[in-house]
Amino acid sequence: MNRQALDAMIQTTLSDLTTSRLILLEADGTYKATLLGQAIVASSLTPEDGIFVHAEFERALKAFVLDGEMHVFYMFTPIQSTGLGDIKWPVFRKEIEGLDESGHRVLKYCGVNPAFVNRMANSGKQLPETTSQEIDTARIYRRFYAALQLRDVCNEAPIHAVATKYETPRGFVQNLAQTCEGFAAGMIKFCERMGWGMLASVLERMCDRLKAGARFDLLELAKIPFVKSRTARIFWEHGLKSVRAVAAADPKDVVPILVLAQPNKLKINGEEEARYYQKLTGKAEIIVSAANRLWERQQQVDIEADI
């Protein structure tokens, strides 16, 4: 590439960034990043994705639904078009029909029209994606469909069950569960850089649920290694409802609970069964040991707070 072509490319890029309000031309001829530009860089987004996120957050600032969790799950769902799966419209229709009043307000404020979903389910057509506006609209609908899956995962539904329910590849649901935590951290940084501290606090409150893949009552248990989502719920149902309770447990008593937490009952016997239980015993010892360390750390924090 010659110098003239390179200069033309640079000028075009600078012009696009200025038009998008990501940079400003100073009086001395230099360029300075705007607050929006800084927020996009801080949250590791591309300019195109950052502009889309900014528009989404501006809508959220006008009306954020706080009497439910669906709005937060939507904001935490990654937006990259290549990462959003296809929509199964009959499934989508069924799910939004099952939303409560709070969920229906989220639909409205996010720009999802139930009547449109119903038409798409009846017609079997694909989303039009010709103009930039159609592309953004399609992204909103795909994002909400993925947000419903994220909601179910964080409500302790098994990955395979979510994949079956939404007729989505299991790998997509698993990837969604793994990537949403990093994306959520980026969204919090975006809000903080834009000066939206209250919104950042609301989003940050949900981050622990994304890490644990569980409801709020299991967050303390989920801090223990190997105790996540389904396993944490089974611990809770069998009386181990806190780090202290797990720390006080005998590893031998934890093994039967770990057996119940296995997604599939294994048909094994003889030497295989002995090795299997030996492995679970080792895991139980690690769990109890880690719980003891966590409990001691909590006690130390409480003692220092009282001094």
C-alpha atoms as a PDB file:
ATOM      1  CA  MET A   1       0.000   0.000   0.000  1.00  0.00           C
ATOM      2  CA  ASN A   2       1.414   3.404  -1.010  1.00  0.00           C
ATOM      3  CA  ARG A   3       1.531   6.452   1.251  1.00  0.00           C
ATOM      4  CA  GLN A   4      -1.350   8.198  -0.526  1.00  0.00           C
ATOM      5  CA  ALA A   5      -3.707   5.235  -0.071  1.00  0.00           C
ATOM      6  CA  LEU A   6      -2.666   4.897   3.584  1.00  0.00           C
ATOM      7  CA  ASP A   7      -3.338   8.592   4.262  1.00  0.00           C
ATOM      8  CA  ALA A   8      -6.762   8.301   2.633  1.00  0.00           C
ATOM      9  CA  MET A   9      -7.593   5.272   4.817  1.00  0.00           C
ATOM     10  CA  ILE A  10      -6.528   7.105   7.969  1.00  0.00           C
ATOM     11  CA  GLN A  11      -8.621  10.153   7.104  1.00  0.00           C
ATOM     12  CA  THR A  12     -11.663   7.980   6.372  1.00  0.00           C
ATOM     13  CA  THR A  13     -11.250   6.183   9.694  1.00  0.00           C
ATOM     14  CA  LEU A  14     -10.860   9.460  11.612  1.00  0.00           C
ATOM     15  CA  SER A  15     -13.931  10.839   9.876  1.00  0.00           C
ATOM     16  CA  ASP A  16     -15.984   7.745  10.781  1.00  0.00           C
ATOM     17  CA  LEU A  17     -14.861   7.865  14.419  1.00  0.00           C
ATOM     18  CA  THR A  18     -15.683  11.571  14.626  1.00  0.00           C
ATOM     19  CA  THR A  19     -19.119  11.073  13.083  1.00  0.00           C
ATOM     20  CA  SER A  20     -19.786   8.259  15.562  1.00  0.00           C
ATOM     21  CA  ARG A  21     -18.845  10.584  18.442  1.00  0.00           C
ATOM     22  CA  LEU A  22     -15.996   8.348  19.539  1.00  0.00           C
ATOM     23  CA  ILE A  23     -13.321  11.027  19.087  1.00  0.00           C
ATOM     24  CA  LEU A  24     -13.245  14.826  18.949  1.00  0.00           C
ATOM     25  CA  LEU A  25     -11.048  17.138  16.898  1.00  0.00           C
ATOM     26  CA  GLU A  26      -9.343  19.617  19.230  1.00  0.00           C
ATOM     27  CA  ALA A  27      -8.557  23.244  18.336  1.00  0.00           C
ATOM     28  CA  ASP A  28      -4.862  22.421  17.964  1.00  0.00           C
ATOM     29  CA  GLY A  29      -5.606  19.775  15.328  1.00  0.00           C
ATOM     30  CA  THR A  30      -5.199  16.734  17.606  1.00  0.00           C
ATOM     31  CA  TYR A  31      -7.851  14.137  18.343  1.00  0.00           C
ATOM     32  CA  LYS A  32      -9.218  13.221  21.765  1.00  0.00           C
ATOM     33  CA  ALA A  33     -11.322  10.223  22.761  1.00  0.00           C
ATOM     34  CA  THR A  34     -14.828  11.080  23.937  1.00  0.00           C
ATOM     35  CA  LEU A  35     -16.336   9.547  27.072  1.00  0.00           C
ATOM     36  CA  LEU A  36     -18.152   7.048  24.852  1.00  0.00           C
ATOM     37  CA  GLY A  37     -14.927   6.193  23.043  1.00  0.00           C
ATOM     38  CA  GLN A  38     -13.135   5.607  26.343  1.00  0.00           C
ATOM     39  CA  ALA A  39     -15.992   3.412  27.607  1.00  0.00           C
ATOM     40  CA  ILE A  40     -15.866   1.279  24.451  1.00  0.00           C
ATOM     41  CA  VAL A  41     -12.113   0.747  24.799  1.00  0.00           C
ATOM     42  CA  ALA A  42     -12.405   0.005  28.543  1.00  0.00           C
ATOM     43  CA  SER A  43     -15.039  -2.666  27.907  1.00  0.00           C
ATOM     44  CA  SER A  44     -13.047  -4.273  25.029  1.00  0.00           C
ATOM     45  CA  LEU A  45     -15.763  -3.745  22.412  1.00  0.00           C
ATOM     46  CA  THR A  46     -15.423  -2.961  18.730  1.00  0.00           C
ATOM     47  CA  PRO A  47     -16.672   0.514  17.735  1.00  0.00           C
ATOM     48  CA  GLU A  48     -19.750  -0.984  16.042  1.00  0.00           C
ATOM     49  CA  ASP A  49     -20.622  -3.165  19.043  1.00  0.00           C
ATOM     50  CA  GLY A  50     -19.902  -0.297  21.426  1.00  0.00           C
ATOM     51  CA  ILE A  51     -22.312   2.023  19.629  1.00  0.00           C
ATOM     52  CA  PHE A  52     -25.000  -0.677  19.770  1.00  0.00           C
ATOM     53  CA  VAL A  53     -24.390  -1.240  23.496  1.00  0.00           C
ATOM     54  CA  HIS A  54     -24.565   2.510  24.128  1.00  0.00           C
ATOM     55  CA  ALA A  55     -27.976   2.692  22.449  1.00  0.00           C
ATOM     56  CA  GLU A  56     -29.154  -0.280  24.535  1.00  0.00           C
ATOM     57  CA  PHE A  57     -27.979   1.333  27.766  1.00  0.00           C
ATOM     58  CA  GLU A  58     -29.565   4.673  26.885  1.00  0.00           C
ATOM     59  CA  ARG A  59     -32.909   2.875  26.613  1.00  0.00           C
ATOM     60  CA  ALA A  60     -32.243   1.096  29.901  1.00  0.00           C
ATOM     61  CA  LEU A  61     -31.485   4.375  31.669  1.00  0.00           C
ATOM     62  CA  LYS A  62     -34.932   5.667  30.749  1.00  0.00           C
ATOM     63  CA  ALA A  63     -36.679   2.584  32.153  1.00  0.00           C
ATOM     64  CA  PHE A  64     -34.780  -0.232  33.877  1.00  0.00           C
ATOM     65  CA  VAL A  65     -36.962  -3.000  35.328  1.00  0.00           C
ATOM     66  CA  LEU A  66     -35.807  -3.667  38.894  1.00  0.00           C
ATOM     67  CA  ASP A  67     -38.644  -5.871  40.154  1.00  0.00           C
ATOM     68  CA  GLY A  68     -37.320  -8.865  38.235  1.00  0.00           C
ATOM     69  CA  GLU A  69     -34.073 -10.276  36.837  1.00  0.00           C
ATOM     70  CA  MET A  70     -34.840 -10.514  33.118  1.00  0.00           C
ATOM     71  CA  HIS A  71     -33.547  -7.029  32.254  1.00  0.00           C
ATOM     72  CA  VAL A  72     -30.177  -7.738  33.869  1.00  0.00           C
ATOM     73  CA  PHE A  73     -29.886 -11.080  32.080  1.00  0.00           C
ATOM     74  CA  TYR A  74     -30.578  -9.299  28.794  1.00  0.00           C
ATOM     75  CA  MET A  75     -27.877  -6.689  29.448  1.00  0.00           C
ATOM     76  CA  PHE A  76     -25.411  -9.451  30.378  1.00  0.00           C
ATOM     77  CA  THR A  77     -26.028 -11.485  27.215  1.00  0.00           C
ATOM     78  CA  PRO A  78     -23.127 -11.071  24.740  1.00  0.00           C
ATOM     79  CA  ILE A  79     -24.063  -9.085  21.646  1.00  0.00           C
ATOM     80  CA  GLN A  80     -21.645 -10.347  19.001  1.00  0.00           C
ATOM     81  CA  SER A  81     -23.760 -11.374  16.032  1.00  0.00           C
ATOM     82  CA  THR A  82     -21.623 -14.426  15.276  1.00  0.00           C
ATOM     83  CA  GLY A  83     -22.166 -15.658  18.838  1.00  0.00           C
ATOM     84  CA  LEU A  84     -25.958 -15.367  18.840  1.00  0.00           C
ATOM     85  CA  GLY A  85     -27.761 -18.484  17.683  1.00  0.00           C
ATOM     86  CA  ASP A  86     -30.804 -18.801  15.439  1.00  0.00           C
ATOM     87  CA  ILE A  87     -34.236 -18.170  16.914  1.00  0.00           C
ATOM     88  CA  LYS A  88     -36.813 -20.957  17.066  1.00  0.00           C
ATOM     89  CA  TRP A  89     -39.874 -18.714  16.864  1.00  0.00           C
ATOM     90  CA  PRO A  90     -42.515 -21.109  18.289  1.00  0.00           C
ATOM     91  CA  VAL A  91     -40.242 -21.678  21.308  1.00  0.00           C
ATOM     92  CA  PHE A  92     -39.646 -17.929  21.619  1.00  0.00           C
ATOM     93  CA  ARG A  93     -43.385 -17.270  21.529  1.00  0.00           C
ATOM     94  CA  LYS A  94     -44.066 -19.864  24.208  1.00  0.00           C
ATOM     95  CA  GLU A  95     -41.392 -18.435  26.491  1.00  0.00           C
ATOM     96  CA  ILE A  96     -42.509 -14.813  26.267  1.00  0.00           C
ATOM     97  CA  GLU A  97     -46.112 -15.881  26.847  1.00  0.00           C
ATOM     98  CA  GLY A  98     -44.904 -17.392  30.118  1.00  0.00           C
ATOM     99  CA  LEU A  99     -43.230 -14.196  31.336  1.00  0.00           C
ATOM    100  CA  ASP A 100     -44.760 -12.349  34.264  1.00  0.00           C
ATOM    101  CA  GLU A 101     -45.789  -8.678  34.189  1.00  0.00           C
ATOM    102  CA  SER A 102     -42.232  -7.593  34.990  1.00  0.00           C
ATOM    103  CA  GLY A 103     -40.875  -9.685  32.109  1.00  0.00           C
ATOM    104  CA  HIS A 104     -43.356  -8.167  29.678  1.00  0.00           C
ATOM    105  CA  ARG A 105     -42.167  -4.692  30.645  1.00  0.00           C
ATOM    106  CA  VAL A 106     -38.620  -5.824  29.871  1.00  0.00           C
ATOM    107  CA  LEU A 107     -39.807  -6.930  26.417  1.00  0.00           C
ATOM    108  CA  LYS A 108     -41.243  -3.472  25.817  1.00  0.00           C
ATOM    109  CA  TYR A 109     -38.205  -1.532  27.020  1.00  0.00           C
ATOM    110  CA  CYS A 110     -35.756  -3.756  25.112  1.00  0.00           C
ATOM    111  CA  GLY A 111     -37.708  -3.375  21.874  1.00  0.00           C
ATOM    112  CA  VAL A 112     -39.137  -6.901  21.547  1.00  0.00           C
ATOM    113  CA  ASN A 113     -42.684  -6.945  20.160  1.00  0.00           C
ATOM    114  CA  PRO A 114     -44.691 -10.082  21.115  1.00  0.00           C
ATOM    115  CA  ALA A 115     -47.001  -9.541  18.105  1.00  0.00           C
ATOM    116  CA  PHE A 116     -43.986  -9.635  15.786  1.00  0.00           C
ATOM    117  CA  VAL A 117     -42.735 -12.832  17.454  1.00  0.00           C
ATOM    118  CA  ASN A 118     -46.170 -14.371  16.925  1.00  0.00           C
ATOM    119  CA  ARG A 119     -46.156 -13.420  13.229  1.00  0.00           C
ATOM    120  CA  MET A 120     -42.701 -14.912  12.765  1.00  0.00           C
ATOM    121  CA  ALA A 121     -43.768 -18.117  14.531  1.00  0.00           C
ATOM    122  CA  ASN A 122     -46.809 -18.440  12.245  1.00  0.00           C
ATOM    123  CA  SER A 123     -45.027 -17.545   9.011  1.00  0.00           C
ATOM    124  CA  GLY A 124     -41.799 -19.474   9.516  1.00  0.00           C
ATOM    125  CA  LYS A 125     -39.854 -16.655   7.858  1.00  0.00           C
ATOM    126  CA  GLN A 126     -36.361 -15.488   8.753  1.00  0.00           C
ATOM    127  CA  LEU A 127     -35.545 -12.085  10.178  1.00  0.00           C
ATOM    128  CA  PRO A 128     -34.862  -9.478   7.481  1.00  0.00           C
ATOM    129  CA  GLU A 129     -31.296  -8.161   7.758  1.00  0.00           C
ATOM    130  CA  THR A 130     -30.779  -5.883   4.779  1.00  0.00           C
ATOM    131  CA  THR A 131     -30.544  -2.385   6.271  1.00  0.00           C
ATOM    132  CA  SER A 132     -28.511  -1.359   9.331  1.00  0.00           C
ATOM    133  CA  GLN A 133     -31.738  -0.855  11.269  1.00  0.00           C
ATOM    134  CA  GLU A 134     -32.933  -4.373  10.405  1.00  0.00           C
ATOM    135  CA  ILE A 135     -29.573  -5.774  11.475  1.00  0.00           C
ATOM    136  CA  ASP A 136     -29.804  -4.042  14.870  1.00  0.00           C
ATOM    137  CA  THR A 137     -33.403  -5.208  15.311  1.00  0.00           C
ATOM    138  CA  ALA A 138     -32.418  -8.791  14.502  1.00  0.00           C
ATOM    139  CA  ARG A 139     -29.610  -8.548  17.028  1.00  0.00           C
ATOM    140  CA  ILE A 140     -32.055  -7.430  19.739  1.00  0.00           C
ATOM    141  CA  TYR A 141     -34.374 -10.404  19.106  1.00  0.00           C
ATOM    142  CA  ARG A 142     -31.505 -12.898  18.986  1.00  0.00           C
ATOM    143  CA  ARG A 143     -30.034 -11.399  22.126  1.00  0.00           C
ATOM    144  CA  PHE A 144     -33.305 -11.695  24.010  1.00  0.00           C
ATOM    145  CA  TYR A 145     -33.711 -15.316  22.902  1.00  0.00           C
ATOM    146  CA  ALA A 146     -30.213 -16.029  24.224  1.00  0.00           C
ATOM    147  CA  ALA A 147     -31.005 -14.087  27.429  1.00  0.00           C
ATOM    148  CA  LEU A 148     -33.882 -16.470  28.125  1.00  0.00           C
ATOM    149  CA  GLN A 149     -31.406 -19.339  27.947  1.00  0.00           C
ATOM    150  CA  LEU A 150     -28.983 -17.513  30.247  1.00  0.00           C
ATOM    151  CA  ARG A 151     -31.831 -16.975  32.720  1.00  0.00           C
ATOM    152  CA  ASP A 152     -32.559 -20.706  32.810  1.00  0.00           C
ATOM    153  CA  VAL A 153     -28.883 -21.602  33.275  1.00  0.00           C
ATOM    154  CA  CYS A 154     -28.617 -19.156  36.206  1.00  0.00           C
ATOM    155  CA  ASN A 155     -31.767 -20.720  37.648  1.00  0.00           C
ATOM    156  CA  GLU A 156     -29.851 -24.026  37.825  1.00  0.00           C
ATOM    157  CA  ALA A 157     -31.301 -25.737  34.760  1.00  0.00           C
ATOM    158  CA  PRO A 158     -28.826 -28.293  33.321  1.00  0.00           C
ATOM    159  CA  ILE A 159     -27.075 -27.277  30.101  1.00  0.00           C
ATOM    160  CA  HIS A 160     -28.522 -30.215  28.154  1.00  0.00           C
ATOM    161  CA  ALA A 161     -32.048 -29.383  29.322  1.00  0.00           C
ATOM    162  CA  VAL A 162     -31.709 -25.748  28.218  1.00  0.00           C
ATOM    163  CA  ALA A 163     -30.342 -26.832  24.838  1.00  0.00           C
ATOM    164  CA  THR A 164     -33.274 -29.193  24.313  1.00  0.00           C
ATOM    165  CA  LYS A 165     -35.871 -26.650  25.458  1.00  0.00           C
ATOM    166  CA  TYR A 166     -34.675 -23.929  23.075  1.00  0.00           C
ATOM    167  CA  GLU A 167     -33.688 -26.306  20.255  1.00  0.00           C
ATOM    168  CA  THR A 168     -30.189 -24.877  20.442  1.00  0.00           C
ATOM    169  CA  PRO A 169     -26.859 -26.730  20.145  1.00  0.00           C
ATOM    170  CA  ARG A 170     -25.546 -27.719  23.549  1.00  0.00           C
ATOM    171  CA  GLY A 171     -22.201 -26.142  22.712  1.00  0.00           C
ATOM    172  CA  PHE A 172     -23.882 -22.769  22.208  1.00  0.00           C
ATOM    173  CA  VAL A 173     -25.534 -22.869  25.648  1.00  0.00           C
ATOM    174  CA  GLN A 174     -22.287 -23.974  27.269  1.00  0.00           C
ATOM    175  CA  ASN A 175     -20.354 -21.218  25.516  1.00  0.00           C
ATOM    176  CA  LEU A 176     -23.004 -18.668  26.545  1.00  0.00           C
ATOM    177  CA  ALA A 177     -22.684 -19.703  30.187  1.00  0.00           C
ATOM    178  CA  GLN A 178     -18.888 -19.403  29.999  1.00  0.00           C
ATOM    179  CA  THR A 179     -18.593 -16.108  28.094  1.00  0.00           C
ATOM    180  CA  CYS A 180     -21.355 -14.100  29.761  1.00  0.00           C
ATOM    181  CA  GLU A 181     -19.255 -13.522  32.899  1.00  0.00           C
ATOM    182  CA  GLY A 182     -16.494 -11.768  30.956  1.00  0.00           C
ATOM    183  CA  PHE A 183     -19.019  -9.806  28.904  1.00  0.00           C
ATOM    184  CA  ALA A 184     -20.837  -8.748  32.086  1.00  0.00           C
ATOM    185  CA  ALA A 185     -17.581  -7.424  33.543  1.00  0.00           C
ATOM    186  CA  GLY A 186     -17.141  -5.377  30.364  1.00  0.00           C
ATOM    187  CA  MET A 187     -20.654  -3.958  30.676  1.00  0.00           C
ATOM    188  CA  ILE A 188     -19.962  -2.872  34.258  1.00  0.00           C
ATOM    189  CA  LYS A 189     -16.757  -1.136  33.136  1.00  0.00           C
ATOM    190  CA  PHE A 190     -18.714   0.546  30.334  1.00  0.00           C
ATOM    191  CA  CYS A 191     -21.243   1.949  32.837  1.00  0.00           C
ATOM    192  CA  GLU A 192     -18.544   3.060  35.248  1.00  0.00           C
ATOM    193  CA  ARG A 193     -16.619   4.894  32.521  1.00  0.00           C
ATOM    194  CA  MET A 194     -19.803   6.586  31.312  1.00  0.00           C
ATOM    195  CA  GLY A 195     -20.539   7.761  34.856  1.00  0.00           C
ATOM    196  CA  TRP A 196     -23.587   5.517  35.304  1.00  0.00           C
ATOM    197  CA  GLY A 197     -22.586   4.342  38.776  1.00  0.00           C
ATOM    198  CA  MET A 198     -26.041   3.300  39.967  1.00  0.00           C
ATOM    199  CA  LEU A 199     -26.638   1.136  36.891  1.00  0.00           C
ATOM    200  CA  ALA A 200     -23.176  -0.401  37.316  1.00  0.00           C
ATOM    201  CA  SER A 201     -24.067  -1.311  40.920  1.00  0.00           C
ATOM    202  CA  VAL A 202     -27.278  -3.017  39.824  1.00  0.00           C
ATOM    203  CA  LEU A 203     -25.403  -5.085  37.233  1.00  0.00           C
ATOM    204  CA  GLU A 204     -22.561  -5.915  39.599  1.00  0.00           C
ATOM    205  CA  ARG A 205     -25.034  -7.378  42.055  1.00  0.00           C
ATOM    206  CA  MET A 206     -25.810 -10.147  39.552  1.00  0.00           C
ATOM    207  CA  CYS A 207     -22.230 -11.065  38.664  1.00  0.00           C
ATOM    208  CA  ASP A 208     -21.921 -13.635  41.434  1.00  0.00           C
ATOM    209  CA  ARG A 209     -24.976 -15.442  40.071  1.00  0.00           C
ATOM    210  CA  LEU A 210     -23.339 -15.682  36.659  1.00  0.00           C
ATOM    211  CA  LYS A 211     -20.203 -17.198  38.204  1.00  0.00           C
ATOM    212  CA  ALA A 212     -22.181 -19.687  40.260  1.00  0.00           C
ATOM    213  CA  GLY A 213     -24.915 -20.477  37.731  1.00  0.00           C
ATOM    214  CA  ALA A 214     -27.310 -20.538  40.662  1.00  0.00           C
ATOM    215  CA  ARG A 215     -29.825 -18.512  42.650  1.00  0.00           C
ATOM    216  CA  PHE A 216     -28.823 -16.087  45.389  1.00  0.00           C
ATOM    217  CA  ASP A 217     -29.393 -18.575  48.237  1.00  0.00           C
ATOM    218  CA  LEU A 218     -26.557 -20.770  46.926  1.00  0.00           C
ATOM    219  CA  LEU A 219     -23.911 -18.074  46.379  1.00  0.00           C
ATOM    220  CA  GLU A 220     -22.075 -18.795  49.628  1.00  0.00           C
ATOM    221  CA  LEU A 221     -21.850 -22.524  48.848  1.00  0.00           C
ATOM    222  CA  ALA A 222     -20.763 -21.808  45.283  1.00  0.00           C
ATOM    223  CA  LYS A 223     -17.529 -20.265  46.585  1.00  0.00           C
ATOM    224  CA  ILE A 224     -16.352 -23.784  47.446  1.00  0.00           C
ATOM    225  CA  PRO A 225     -14.435 -25.628  44.677  1.00  0.00           C
ATOM    226  CA  PHE A 226     -16.494 -28.322  42.880  1.00  0.00           C
ATOM    227  CA  VAL A 227     -19.721 -26.965  44.419  1.00  0.00           C
ATOM    228  CA  LYS A 228     -21.566 -25.168  41.624  1.00  0.00           C
ATOM    229  CA  SER A 229     -25.170 -24.941  40.460  1.00  0.00           C
ATOM    230  CA  ARG A 230     -26.701 -28.445  40.649  1.00  0.00           C
ATOM    231  CA  THR A 231     -24.183 -29.704  43.235  1.00  0.00           C
ATOM    232  CA  ALA A 232     -24.759 -26.646  45.441  1.00  0.00           C
ATOM    233  CA  ARG A 233     -28.528 -27.172  45.299  1.00  0.00           C
ATOM    234  CA  ILE A 234     -28.190 -30.832  46.355  1.00  0.00           C
ATOM    235  CA  PHE A 235     -25.859 -29.824  49.208  1.00  0.00           C
ATOM    236  CA  TRP A 236     -28.519 -27.311  50.309  1.00  0.00           C
ATOM    237  CA  GLU A 237     -31.327 -29.849  50.131  1.00  0.00           C
ATOM    238  CA  HIS A 238     -29.318 -32.261  52.316  1.00  0.00           C
ATOM    239  CA  GLY A 239     -28.681 -29.754  55.099  1.00  0.00           C
ATOM    240  CA  LEU A 240     -25.290 -28.370  54.032  1.00  0.00           C
ATOM    241  CA  LYS A 241     -26.537 -24.798  53.573  1.00  0.00           C
ATOM    242  CA  SER A 242     -23.418 -22.817  54.434  1.00  0.00           C
ATOM    243  CA  VAL A 243     -19.637 -22.874  54.229  1.00  0.00           C
ATOM    244  CA  ARG A 244     -19.567 -23.529  57.973  1.00  0.00           C
ATOM    245  CA  ALA A 245     -21.812 -26.594  57.630  1.00  0.00           C
ATOM    246  CA  VAL A 246     -19.634 -28.057  54.850  1.00  0.00           C
ATOM    247  CA  ALA A 247     -16.465 -27.323  56.843  1.00  0.00           C
ATOM    248  CA  ALA A 248     -17.869 -29.262  59.798  1.00  0.00           C
ATOM    249  CA  ALA A 249     -18.922 -32.246  57.679  1.00  0.00           C
ATOM    250  CA  ASP A 250     -17.099 -35.557  57.471  1.00  0.00           C
ATOM    251  CA  PRO A 251     -15.863 -36.203  53.895  1.00  0.00           C
ATOM    252  CA  LYS A 252     -17.391 -39.696  54.089  1.00  0.00           C
ATOM    253  CA  ASP A 253     -20.808 -38.104  54.607  1.00  0.00           C
ATOM    254  CA  VAL A 254     -20.264 -35.817  51.622  1.00  0.00           C
ATOM    255  CA  VAL A 255     -19.606 -38.682  49.187  1.00  0.00           C
ATOM    256  CA  PRO A 256     -23.268 -39.878  48.959  1.00  0.00           C
ATOM    257  CA  ILE A 257     -24.323 -36.290  48.251  1.00  0.00           C
ATOM    258  CA  LEU A 258     -21.789 -36.052  45.433  1.00  0.00           C
ATOM    259  CA  VAL A 259     -23.196 -39.286  43.990  1.00  0.00           C
ATOM    260  CA  LEU A 260     -26.655 -37.692  43.884  1.00  0.00           C
ATOM    261  CA  ALA A 261     -25.195 -34.649  42.132  1.00  0.00           C
ATOM    262  CA  GLN A 262     -23.969 -36.689  39.175  1.00  0.00           C
ATOM    263  CA  PRO A 263     -26.063 -35.854  36.071  1.00  0.00           C
ATOM    264  CA  ASN A 264     -26.310 -39.519  35.062  1.00  0.00           C
ATOM    265  CA  LYS A 265     -26.378 -42.585  37.238  1.00  0.00           C
ATOM    266  CA  LEU A 266     -23.423 -44.717  36.242  1.00  0.00           C
ATOM    267  CA  LYS A 267     -23.850 -48.467  35.904  1.00  0.00           C
ATOM    268  CA  ILE A 268     -20.566 -49.717  37.299  1.00  0.00           C
ATOM    269  CA  ASN A 269     -19.455 -52.516  39.582  1.00  0.00           C
ATOM    270  CA  GLY A 270     -16.409 -54.238  40.954  1.00  0.00           C
ATOM    271  CA  GLU A 271     -13.075 -52.476  40.524  1.00  0.00           C
ATOM    272  CA  GLU A 272     -14.616 -49.624  38.515  1.00  0.00           C
ATOM    273  CA  GLU A 273     -17.024 -48.856  41.331  1.00  0.00           C
ATOM    274  CA  ALA A 274     -14.191 -48.849  43.861  1.00  0.00           C
ATOM    275  CA  ARG A 275     -12.164 -46.413  41.733  1.00  0.00           C
ATOM    276  CA  TYR A 276     -15.234 -44.246  41.217  1.00  0.00           C
ATOM    277  CA  TYR A 277     -15.909 -43.925  44.952  1.00  0.00           C
ATOM    278  CA  GLN A 278     -12.219 -43.383  45.630  1.00  0.00           C
ATOM    279  CA  LYS A 279     -12.304 -40.441  43.207  1.00  0.00           C
ATOM    280  CA  LEU A 280     -15.424 -39.008  44.868  1.00  0.00           C
ATOM    281  CA  THR A 281     -13.828 -39.437  48.293  1.00  0.00           C
ATOM    282  CA  GLY A 282     -10.833 -37.421  47.131  1.00  0.00           C
ATOM    283  CA  LYS A 283     -13.162 -34.722  45.803  1.00  0.00           C
ATOM    284  CA  ALA A 284     -15.110 -34.688  49.086  1.00  0.00           C
ATOM    285  CA  GLU A 285     -11.883 -34.208  51.044  1.00  0.00           C
ATOM    286  CA  ILE A 286     -10.931 -31.279  48.810  1.00  0.00           C
ATOM    287  CA  ILE A 287     -14.395 -29.725  49.255  1.00  0.00           C
ATOM    288  CA  VAL A 288     -14.323 -30.012  53.068  1.00  0.00           C
ATOM    289  CA  SER A 289     -10.733 -28.739  53.236  1.00  0.00           C
ATOM    290  CA  ALA A 290     -11.546 -25.737  51.015  1.00  0.00           C
ATOM    291  CA  ALA A 291     -14.664 -24.997  53.077  1.00  0.00           C
ATOM    292  CA  ASN A 292     -12.521 -24.974  56.227  1.00  0.00           C
ATOM    293  CA  ARG A 293     -10.137 -22.456  54.670  1.00  0.00           C
ATOM    294  CA  LEU A 294     -13.036 -20.258  53.564  1.00  0.00           C
ATOM    295  CA  TRP A 295     -14.633 -20.442  57.004  1.00  0.00           C
ATOM    296  CA  GLU A 296     -11.355 -19.546  58.749  1.00  0.00           C
ATOM    297  CA  ARG A 297     -10.943 -16.596  56.377  1.00  0.00           C
ATOM    298  CA  GLN A 298     -14.480 -15.399  57.139  1.00  0.00           C
ATOM    299  CA  GLN A 299     -13.807 -15.681  60.854  1.00  0.00           C
ATOM    300  CA  GLN A 300     -10.596 -13.679  60.511  1.00  0.00           C
ATOM    301  CA  VAL A 301     -12.437 -10.936  58.602  1.00  0.00           C
ATOM    302  CA  ASP A 302     -15.130 -10.800  61.309  1.00  0.00           C
ATOM    303  CA  ILE A 303     -12.501 -10.553  64.079  1.00  0.00           C
ATOM    304  CA  GLU A 304     -10.661  -7.740  62.291  1.00  0.00           C
ATOM    305  CA  ALA A 305     -13.949  -5.892  61.749  1.00  0.00           C
ATOM    306  CA  ASP A 306     -14.662  -6.018  65.496  1.00  0.00           C
ATOM    307  CA  ILE A 307     -11.257  -4.627  66.483  1.00  0.00           C
END
